[in-house]
């Protein structure tokens, strides 16, 4: 790499780290930045899901979840996830249902795909946050649940 390219790469890596925590909402939605490299590190041939940098928005959360799901053998498509997210929470990662039977019983549905805590814990996917409001963890756990219950999130066309 030329000497002129090294400072540019270093500036780009600092920018990537800055943008990841400056996105929507609180820092709890910042995505892992293990993919940011130093100027002297050689680029990997094919980044793993955890090392890629995704936008801190619904598109990025779905794409990061899909990468994790692919590594874990959990089926699902972008369109299937997006359709269900829009129906369940309109894309709000802090959505909570305080009125249905789950809420009456003390376990309200939470997050993008409106998962109750016991379901989230049971279908949590290793390598994701244990916070049910974390968008990637919520999507991935819900898709894991849908896989075991319905074969795929793509087969869910109503509340589940």
N, C-alpha and C. Protein backbone atom coordinates (compact mmCIF):
# COMPACT_ATOMS: atom_id res chain seq x y z
N UNK A 1 0.84 -1.16 0.00
CA UNK A 1 0.00 0.00 0.00
C UNK A 1 0.89 1.23 0.00
N UNK A 2 0.50 2.23 -0.77
CA UNK A 2 1.31 3.43 -0.86
C UNK A 2 1.23 4.22 0.44
N UNK A 3 2.23 5.06 0.67
CA UNK A 3 2.25 5.89 1.87
C UNK A 3 1.07 6.84 1.86
N UNK A 4 0.63 7.30 0.70
CA UNK A 4 -0.51 8.22 0.62
C UNK A 4 -1.81 7.53 0.98
N UNK A 5 -1.93 6.24 0.71
CA UNK A 5 -3.17 5.51 1.00
C UNK A 5 -3.30 5.19 2.48
N UNK A 6 -2.21 5.06 3.19
CA UNK A 6 -2.29 4.69 4.61
C UNK A 6 -3.04 5.72 5.44
N UNK A 7 -2.76 7.02 5.35
CA UNK A 7 -3.53 7.97 6.16
C UNK A 7 -5.00 7.97 5.80
N UNK A 8 -5.33 7.80 4.53
CA UNK A 8 -6.73 7.77 4.13
C UNK A 8 -7.47 6.60 4.79
N UNK A 9 -6.85 5.41 4.81
CA UNK A 9 -7.47 4.24 5.43
C UNK A 9 -7.67 4.49 6.92
N UNK A 10 -6.69 5.07 7.59
CA UNK A 10 -6.81 5.36 9.01
C UNK A 10 -7.96 6.33 9.26
N UNK A 11 -8.07 7.37 8.41
CA UNK A 11 -9.19 8.32 8.56
C UNK A 11 -10.52 7.61 8.34
N UNK A 12 -10.59 6.74 7.34
CA UNK A 12 -11.83 6.01 7.05
C UNK A 12 -12.22 5.13 8.23
N UNK A 13 -11.26 4.43 8.84
CA UNK A 13 -11.57 3.57 9.98
C UNK A 13 -12.08 4.38 11.16
N UNK A 14 -11.50 5.56 11.40
CA UNK A 14 -12.00 6.42 12.48
C UNK A 14 -13.42 6.86 12.18
N UNK A 15 -13.71 7.18 10.92
CA UNK A 15 -15.04 7.61 10.51
C UNK A 15 -16.04 6.47 10.72
N UNK A 16 -15.68 5.25 10.34
CA UNK A 16 -16.57 4.10 10.52
C UNK A 16 -16.91 3.93 12.00
N UNK A 17 -15.90 4.02 12.86
CA UNK A 17 -16.16 3.88 14.29
C UNK A 17 -17.06 5.00 14.80
N UNK A 18 -16.87 6.21 14.32
CA UNK A 18 -17.67 7.35 14.75
C UNK A 18 -19.11 7.20 14.29
N UNK A 19 -19.31 6.84 13.02
CA UNK A 19 -20.65 6.72 12.49
C UNK A 19 -21.45 5.61 13.17
N UNK A 20 -20.82 4.55 13.57
CA UNK A 20 -21.52 3.43 14.17
C UNK A 20 -22.16 3.80 15.49
N UNK A 21 -21.59 4.73 16.23
CA UNK A 21 -22.19 5.10 17.51
C UNK A 21 -23.00 6.37 17.41
N UNK A 22 -23.00 7.03 16.24
CA UNK A 22 -23.74 8.27 16.08
C UNK A 22 -25.08 8.04 15.42
N UNK A 23 -25.48 6.79 15.24
CA UNK A 23 -26.73 6.47 14.55
C UNK A 23 -27.95 6.71 15.41
N UNK A 24 -29.04 6.09 15.03
CA UNK A 24 -30.32 6.27 15.67
C UNK A 24 -30.29 5.85 17.13
N UNK A 25 -30.86 6.67 17.99
CA UNK A 25 -31.08 6.31 19.38
C UNK A 25 -29.82 6.21 20.21
N UNK A 26 -29.95 5.48 21.29
CA UNK A 26 -28.89 5.37 22.28
C UNK A 26 -27.79 4.42 21.82
N UNK A 27 -26.71 4.43 22.56
CA UNK A 27 -25.55 3.61 22.21
C UNK A 27 -25.86 2.13 22.24
N UNK A 28 -26.95 1.71 22.88
CA UNK A 28 -27.24 0.27 22.93
C UNK A 28 -27.52 -0.28 21.54
N UNK A 29 -27.73 0.59 20.55
CA UNK A 29 -27.98 0.13 19.20
C UNK A 29 -26.74 0.16 18.33
N UNK A 30 -25.59 0.57 18.91
CA UNK A 30 -24.36 0.58 18.13
C UNK A 30 -24.00 -0.85 17.76
N UNK A 31 -23.62 -1.04 16.52
CA UNK A 31 -23.31 -2.37 16.04
C UNK A 31 -21.84 -2.68 16.28
N UNK A 32 -21.47 -3.95 16.38
CA UNK A 32 -20.07 -4.31 16.63
C UNK A 32 -19.18 -3.77 15.52
N UNK A 33 -18.00 -3.32 15.92
CA UNK A 33 -17.08 -2.76 14.95
C UNK A 33 -15.80 -3.57 14.85
N UNK A 34 -15.89 -4.86 15.05
CA UNK A 34 -14.70 -5.67 14.99
C UNK A 34 -14.12 -5.70 13.59
N UNK A 35 -14.85 -5.24 12.58
CA UNK A 35 -14.37 -5.23 11.21
C UNK A 35 -13.48 -4.04 10.91
N UNK A 36 -13.50 -2.99 11.76
CA UNK A 36 -12.64 -1.84 11.52
C UNK A 36 -11.20 -2.27 11.74
N UNK A 37 -10.36 -1.97 10.78
CA UNK A 37 -8.98 -2.43 10.84
C UNK A 37 -8.03 -1.26 10.94
N UNK A 38 -6.83 -1.54 11.38
CA UNK A 38 -5.80 -0.50 11.41
C UNK A 38 -5.18 -0.39 10.03
N UNK A 39 -4.40 0.65 9.82
CA UNK A 39 -3.80 0.88 8.51
C UNK A 39 -2.86 -0.24 8.11
N UNK A 40 -2.27 -0.95 9.06
CA UNK A 40 -1.30 -1.98 8.73
C UNK A 40 -1.91 -3.37 8.58
N UNK A 41 -3.17 -3.55 8.95
CA UNK A 41 -3.79 -4.87 8.88
C UNK A 41 -4.17 -5.20 7.44
N UNK A 42 -4.00 -6.46 7.07
CA UNK A 42 -4.38 -6.90 5.73
C UNK A 42 -5.87 -7.21 5.72
N UNK A 43 -6.59 -6.85 4.66
CA UNK A 43 -8.02 -7.13 4.60
C UNK A 43 -8.27 -8.63 4.48
N UNK A 44 -9.35 -9.08 5.11
CA UNK A 44 -9.74 -10.49 5.05
C UNK A 44 -10.34 -10.77 3.68
N UNK A 45 -10.23 -12.02 3.23
CA UNK A 45 -10.77 -12.40 1.94
C UNK A 45 -12.28 -12.28 1.93
N UNK A 46 -12.95 -12.80 2.97
CA UNK A 46 -14.40 -12.72 3.06
C UNK A 46 -14.75 -12.47 4.52
N UNK A 47 -15.30 -11.28 4.85
CA UNK A 47 -15.59 -10.99 6.24
C UNK A 47 -16.74 -11.84 6.76
N UNK A 48 -16.63 -12.25 8.01
CA UNK A 48 -17.72 -12.96 8.67
C UNK A 48 -18.77 -11.94 9.08
N UNK A 49 -19.97 -12.40 9.45
CA UNK A 49 -21.07 -11.51 9.82
C UNK A 49 -20.67 -10.56 10.93
N UNK A 50 -19.93 -11.05 11.90
CA UNK A 50 -19.56 -10.22 13.04
C UNK A 50 -18.54 -9.17 12.67
N UNK A 51 -17.78 -9.37 11.60
CA UNK A 51 -16.74 -8.41 11.27
C UNK A 51 -17.19 -7.37 10.25
N UNK A 52 -18.32 -7.54 9.63
CA UNK A 52 -18.82 -6.55 8.67
C UNK A 52 -19.43 -5.38 9.44
N UNK A 53 -19.43 -4.22 8.82
CA UNK A 53 -20.04 -3.04 9.43
C UNK A 53 -21.36 -2.79 8.72
N UNK A 54 -22.43 -2.71 9.50
CA UNK A 54 -23.77 -2.51 8.97
C UNK A 54 -24.31 -1.16 9.41
N UNK A 55 -25.14 -0.52 8.59
CA UNK A 55 -25.74 0.74 9.00
C UNK A 55 -26.60 0.55 10.25
N UNK A 56 -26.64 1.56 11.08
CA UNK A 56 -27.42 1.50 12.32
C UNK A 56 -28.84 1.97 12.04
N UNK A 57 -29.55 1.17 11.21
CA UNK A 57 -30.94 1.45 10.86
C UNK A 57 -31.61 0.12 10.54
N UNK A 58 -32.89 0.15 10.22
CA UNK A 58 -33.63 -1.09 10.00
C UNK A 58 -32.98 -1.96 8.92
N UNK A 59 -32.56 -1.36 7.83
CA UNK A 59 -31.91 -2.12 6.78
C UNK A 59 -30.65 -2.82 7.30
N UNK A 60 -29.82 -2.10 8.03
CA UNK A 60 -28.59 -2.68 8.58
C UNK A 60 -28.87 -3.77 9.59
N UNK A 61 -29.87 -3.55 10.45
CA UNK A 61 -30.21 -4.55 11.46
C UNK A 61 -30.69 -5.84 10.81
N UNK A 62 -31.52 -5.71 9.78
CA UNK A 62 -32.00 -6.91 9.07
C UNK A 62 -30.83 -7.62 8.38
N UNK A 63 -29.99 -6.88 7.71
CA UNK A 63 -28.87 -7.49 6.99
C UNK A 63 -27.88 -8.16 7.95
N UNK A 64 -27.61 -7.53 9.10
CA UNK A 64 -26.72 -8.17 10.08
C UNK A 64 -27.37 -9.43 10.64
N UNK A 65 -28.66 -9.37 10.93
CA UNK A 65 -29.36 -10.57 11.41
C UNK A 65 -29.31 -11.68 10.38
N UNK A 66 -29.52 -11.35 9.12
CA UNK A 66 -29.47 -12.37 8.07
C UNK A 66 -28.09 -13.01 7.97
N UNK A 67 -27.04 -12.23 8.16
CA UNK A 67 -25.69 -12.79 8.12
C UNK A 67 -25.48 -13.76 9.29
N UNK A 68 -25.94 -13.39 10.47
CA UNK A 68 -25.83 -14.27 11.65
C UNK A 68 -26.68 -15.52 11.43
N UNK A 69 -27.89 -15.33 10.93
CA UNK A 69 -28.78 -16.46 10.67
C UNK A 69 -28.16 -17.43 9.67
N UNK A 70 -27.51 -16.92 8.64
CA UNK A 70 -26.86 -17.78 7.65
C UNK A 70 -25.77 -18.62 8.31
N UNK A 71 -25.00 -18.01 9.22
CA UNK A 71 -23.95 -18.74 9.93
C UNK A 71 -24.53 -19.83 10.82
N UNK A 72 -25.72 -19.61 11.37
CA UNK A 72 -26.33 -20.53 12.33
C UNK A 72 -27.34 -21.48 11.68
N UNK A 73 -27.56 -21.34 10.37
CA UNK A 73 -28.50 -22.23 9.69
C UNK A 73 -29.96 -21.90 9.95
N UNK A 74 -30.26 -20.66 10.25
CA UNK A 74 -31.64 -20.23 10.50
C UNK A 74 -32.17 -19.62 9.20
N UNK A 75 -33.25 -20.18 8.62
CA UNK A 75 -33.74 -19.66 7.35
C UNK A 75 -34.50 -18.34 7.53
N UNK A 76 -34.59 -17.59 6.45
CA UNK A 76 -35.36 -16.36 6.43
C UNK A 76 -34.85 -15.45 5.34
N UNK A 77 -35.70 -14.53 4.91
CA UNK A 77 -35.33 -13.59 3.86
C UNK A 77 -35.54 -12.16 4.36
N UNK A 78 -34.89 -11.25 3.66
CA UNK A 78 -35.03 -9.83 3.98
C UNK A 78 -36.51 -9.43 3.95
N UNK A 79 -37.22 -9.82 2.88
CA UNK A 79 -38.62 -9.43 2.73
C UNK A 79 -39.49 -10.02 3.83
N UNK A 80 -39.25 -11.27 4.20
CA UNK A 80 -40.03 -11.88 5.28
C UNK A 80 -39.83 -11.18 6.60
N UNK A 81 -38.58 -10.83 6.91
CA UNK A 81 -38.29 -10.11 8.16
C UNK A 81 -38.91 -8.72 8.10
N UNK A 82 -38.68 -8.00 7.02
CA UNK A 82 -39.17 -6.62 6.90
C UNK A 82 -40.69 -6.56 7.02
N UNK A 83 -41.38 -7.45 6.33
CA UNK A 83 -42.85 -7.50 6.39
C UNK A 83 -43.33 -7.68 7.82
N UNK A 84 -42.71 -8.59 8.55
CA UNK A 84 -43.14 -8.86 9.93
C UNK A 84 -42.76 -7.71 10.87
N UNK A 85 -41.59 -7.12 10.68
CA UNK A 85 -41.19 -5.97 11.50
C UNK A 85 -42.18 -4.83 11.33
N UNK A 86 -42.55 -4.53 10.10
CA UNK A 86 -43.46 -3.41 9.86
C UNK A 86 -44.84 -3.68 10.46
N UNK A 87 -45.30 -4.91 10.44
CA UNK A 87 -46.59 -5.24 11.03
C UNK A 87 -46.52 -5.18 12.56
N UNK A 88 -45.45 -5.69 13.13
CA UNK A 88 -45.35 -5.80 14.59
C UNK A 88 -44.99 -4.50 15.30
N UNK A 89 -44.07 -3.69 14.72
CA UNK A 89 -43.57 -2.53 15.45
C UNK A 89 -43.42 -1.27 14.60
N UNK A 90 -43.75 -1.35 13.33
CA UNK A 90 -43.52 -0.24 12.38
C UNK A 90 -42.06 0.18 12.35
N UNK A 91 -41.16 -0.73 12.70
CA UNK A 91 -39.74 -0.46 12.65
C UNK A 91 -39.16 0.21 13.88
N UNK A 92 -39.94 0.28 14.97
CA UNK A 92 -39.49 0.92 16.21
C UNK A 92 -38.85 -0.13 17.12
N UNK A 93 -37.52 -0.08 17.33
CA UNK A 93 -36.87 -1.08 18.17
C UNK A 93 -37.25 -0.98 19.65
N UNK A 94 -37.86 0.14 20.05
CA UNK A 94 -38.27 0.31 21.46
C UNK A 94 -39.75 0.04 21.66
N UNK A 95 -40.43 -0.50 20.65
CA UNK A 95 -41.86 -0.78 20.76
C UNK A 95 -42.12 -1.77 21.90
N UNK A 96 -43.21 -1.52 22.61
CA UNK A 96 -43.64 -2.43 23.67
C UNK A 96 -45.16 -2.48 23.67
N UNK A 97 -45.70 -3.67 23.83
CA UNK A 97 -47.14 -3.85 23.86
C UNK A 97 -47.55 -4.00 25.33
N UNK A 98 -48.21 -2.99 25.85
CA UNK A 98 -48.63 -3.01 27.25
C UNK A 98 -50.11 -3.33 27.44
N UNK A 99 -50.77 -3.83 26.41
CA UNK A 99 -52.20 -4.04 26.54
C UNK A 99 -52.69 -5.46 26.24
N UNK A 100 -51.94 -6.29 25.54
CA UNK A 100 -52.46 -7.62 25.19
C UNK A 100 -52.35 -8.60 26.36
N UNK A 101 -52.73 -9.84 26.13
CA UNK A 101 -52.75 -10.85 27.19
C UNK A 101 -51.37 -11.09 27.76
N UNK A 102 -50.32 -11.01 26.93
CA UNK A 102 -48.96 -11.17 27.45
C UNK A 102 -48.64 -10.08 28.47
N UNK A 103 -49.02 -8.85 28.16
CA UNK A 103 -48.78 -7.74 29.09
C UNK A 103 -49.59 -7.91 30.36
N UNK A 104 -50.84 -8.32 30.22
CA UNK A 104 -51.69 -8.56 31.39
C UNK A 104 -51.06 -9.62 32.29
N UNK A 105 -50.40 -10.60 31.69
CA UNK A 105 -49.74 -11.66 32.45
C UNK A 105 -48.34 -11.28 32.91
N UNK A 106 -47.91 -10.04 32.64
CA UNK A 106 -46.63 -9.56 33.14
C UNK A 106 -45.44 -9.73 32.21
N UNK A 107 -45.66 -10.18 30.98
CA UNK A 107 -44.56 -10.35 30.03
C UNK A 107 -44.91 -9.66 28.71
N UNK A 108 -44.79 -8.34 28.66
CA UNK A 108 -45.16 -7.63 27.43
C UNK A 108 -44.23 -7.98 26.27
N UNK A 109 -44.78 -7.89 25.08
CA UNK A 109 -44.00 -8.10 23.86
C UNK A 109 -43.14 -6.87 23.62
N UNK A 110 -41.88 -7.10 23.18
CA UNK A 110 -40.91 -6.02 23.06
C UNK A 110 -40.17 -6.05 21.74
N UNK A 111 -39.73 -4.87 21.32
CA UNK A 111 -38.80 -4.76 20.21
C UNK A 111 -39.42 -4.83 18.84
N UNK A 112 -38.55 -4.92 17.85
CA UNK A 112 -38.96 -4.89 16.45
C UNK A 112 -39.95 -5.99 16.09
N UNK A 113 -39.75 -7.19 16.60
CA UNK A 113 -40.63 -8.31 16.27
C UNK A 113 -41.48 -8.75 17.45
N UNK A 114 -41.62 -7.87 18.46
CA UNK A 114 -42.55 -8.07 19.57
C UNK A 114 -42.42 -9.46 20.20
N UNK A 115 -41.26 -9.71 20.77
CA UNK A 115 -40.94 -10.98 21.41
C UNK A 115 -41.09 -10.83 22.92
N UNK A 116 -41.72 -11.81 23.57
CA UNK A 116 -41.80 -11.78 25.03
C UNK A 116 -40.49 -12.33 25.60
N UNK A 117 -40.17 -11.91 26.83
CA UNK A 117 -38.88 -12.29 27.43
C UNK A 117 -38.62 -13.80 27.46
N UNK A 118 -39.58 -14.64 27.87
CA UNK A 118 -39.27 -16.08 27.89
C UNK A 118 -38.93 -16.64 26.50
N UNK A 119 -39.62 -16.17 25.48
CA UNK A 119 -39.34 -16.62 24.12
C UNK A 119 -37.97 -16.10 23.67
N UNK A 120 -37.68 -14.84 24.00
CA UNK A 120 -36.38 -14.27 23.65
C UNK A 120 -35.26 -15.08 24.29
N UNK A 121 -35.39 -15.40 25.57
CA UNK A 121 -34.34 -16.17 26.25
C UNK A 121 -34.19 -17.57 25.65
N UNK A 122 -35.29 -18.22 25.36
CA UNK A 122 -35.26 -19.58 24.82
C UNK A 122 -34.63 -19.63 23.43
N UNK A 123 -34.93 -18.64 22.60
CA UNK A 123 -34.48 -18.67 21.21
C UNK A 123 -33.35 -17.68 20.93
N UNK A 124 -32.76 -17.14 21.99
CA UNK A 124 -31.62 -16.24 21.84
C UNK A 124 -30.53 -16.93 21.02
N UNK A 125 -29.88 -16.19 20.15
CA UNK A 125 -28.83 -16.75 19.31
C UNK A 125 -27.47 -16.27 19.83
N UNK A 126 -26.60 -17.23 20.09
CA UNK A 126 -25.26 -16.93 20.60
C UNK A 126 -24.57 -15.90 19.71
N UNK A 127 -23.89 -14.98 20.35
CA UNK A 127 -23.17 -13.94 19.64
C UNK A 127 -23.96 -12.65 19.50
N UNK A 128 -25.23 -12.67 19.92
CA UNK A 128 -26.03 -11.45 19.90
C UNK A 128 -26.26 -10.98 21.33
N UNK A 129 -26.72 -9.75 21.46
CA UNK A 129 -26.97 -9.15 22.77
C UNK A 129 -28.05 -9.93 23.53
N UNK A 130 -28.00 -9.84 24.85
CA UNK A 130 -29.06 -10.44 25.68
C UNK A 130 -30.15 -9.43 25.98
N UNK A 131 -30.12 -8.27 25.34
CA UNK A 131 -31.12 -7.22 25.50
C UNK A 131 -32.21 -7.41 24.44
N UNK A 132 -33.47 -7.68 24.86
CA UNK A 132 -34.52 -7.91 23.87
C UNK A 132 -34.85 -6.68 23.03
N UNK A 133 -34.42 -5.50 23.46
CA UNK A 133 -34.62 -4.29 22.67
C UNK A 133 -33.51 -4.06 21.65
N UNK A 134 -32.42 -4.82 21.74
CA UNK A 134 -31.36 -4.71 20.75
C UNK A 134 -31.93 -5.21 19.42
N UNK A 135 -31.93 -4.38 18.38
CA UNK A 135 -32.59 -4.76 17.14
C UNK A 135 -32.09 -6.07 16.52
N UNK A 136 -30.78 -6.26 16.46
CA UNK A 136 -30.23 -7.47 15.84
C UNK A 136 -30.57 -8.70 16.68
N UNK A 137 -30.44 -8.59 17.99
CA UNK A 137 -30.76 -9.72 18.86
C UNK A 137 -32.25 -10.05 18.79
N UNK A 138 -33.10 -9.04 18.74
CA UNK A 138 -34.55 -9.25 18.67
C UNK A 138 -34.93 -9.94 17.37
N UNK A 139 -34.43 -9.42 16.26
CA UNK A 139 -34.74 -10.03 14.95
C UNK A 139 -34.24 -11.47 14.91
N UNK A 140 -33.02 -11.69 15.33
CA UNK A 140 -32.41 -13.01 15.21
C UNK A 140 -33.12 -14.03 16.10
N UNK A 141 -33.44 -13.65 17.33
CA UNK A 141 -34.18 -14.55 18.22
C UNK A 141 -35.57 -14.85 17.68
N UNK A 142 -36.26 -13.83 17.19
CA UNK A 142 -37.61 -14.03 16.64
C UNK A 142 -37.57 -14.93 15.42
N UNK A 143 -36.57 -14.76 14.58
CA UNK A 143 -36.44 -15.62 13.40
C UNK A 143 -36.10 -17.05 13.79
N UNK A 144 -35.32 -17.22 14.85
CA UNK A 144 -35.00 -18.56 15.36
C UNK A 144 -36.27 -19.22 15.89
N UNK A 145 -37.08 -18.45 16.63
CA UNK A 145 -38.37 -18.96 17.11
C UNK A 145 -39.26 -19.34 15.93
N UNK A 146 -39.39 -18.45 14.94
CA UNK A 146 -40.24 -18.71 13.78
C UNK A 146 -39.76 -19.94 13.01
N UNK A 147 -38.45 -20.12 12.94
CA UNK A 147 -37.88 -21.30 12.28
C UNK A 147 -38.34 -22.57 12.99
N UNK A 148 -38.24 -22.60 14.31
CA UNK A 148 -38.62 -23.80 15.05
C UNK A 148 -40.13 -24.01 15.09
N UNK A 149 -40.90 -22.96 15.03
CA UNK A 149 -42.36 -23.08 15.14
C UNK A 149 -43.04 -23.19 13.78
N UNK A 150 -42.57 -22.41 12.79
CA UNK A 150 -43.26 -22.31 11.50
C UNK A 150 -42.39 -22.70 10.29
N UNK A 151 -41.12 -23.01 10.52
CA UNK A 151 -40.23 -23.36 9.42
C UNK A 151 -39.40 -22.20 8.93
N UNK A 152 -39.90 -20.97 9.11
CA UNK A 152 -39.18 -19.77 8.69
C UNK A 152 -40.01 -18.54 9.04
N UNK A 153 -39.37 -17.40 9.23
CA UNK A 153 -40.08 -16.14 9.42
C UNK A 153 -40.91 -15.83 8.18
N UNK A 154 -40.49 -16.35 7.03
CA UNK A 154 -41.22 -16.13 5.78
C UNK A 154 -42.60 -16.74 5.80
N UNK A 155 -42.82 -17.72 6.66
CA UNK A 155 -44.12 -18.39 6.76
C UNK A 155 -45.05 -17.71 7.75
N UNK A 156 -44.60 -16.64 8.38
CA UNK A 156 -45.41 -15.93 9.37
C UNK A 156 -46.08 -14.75 8.66
N UNK A 157 -47.40 -14.79 8.63
CA UNK A 157 -48.17 -13.75 7.93
C UNK A 157 -49.17 -13.07 8.83
N UNK A 158 -48.99 -13.21 10.13
CA UNK A 158 -49.85 -12.57 11.12
C UNK A 158 -49.17 -12.66 12.46
N UNK A 159 -49.81 -12.15 13.51
CA UNK A 159 -49.19 -12.25 14.84
C UNK A 159 -48.86 -13.70 15.17
N UNK A 160 -47.73 -13.91 15.81
CA UNK A 160 -47.29 -15.27 16.12
C UNK A 160 -47.04 -15.50 17.57
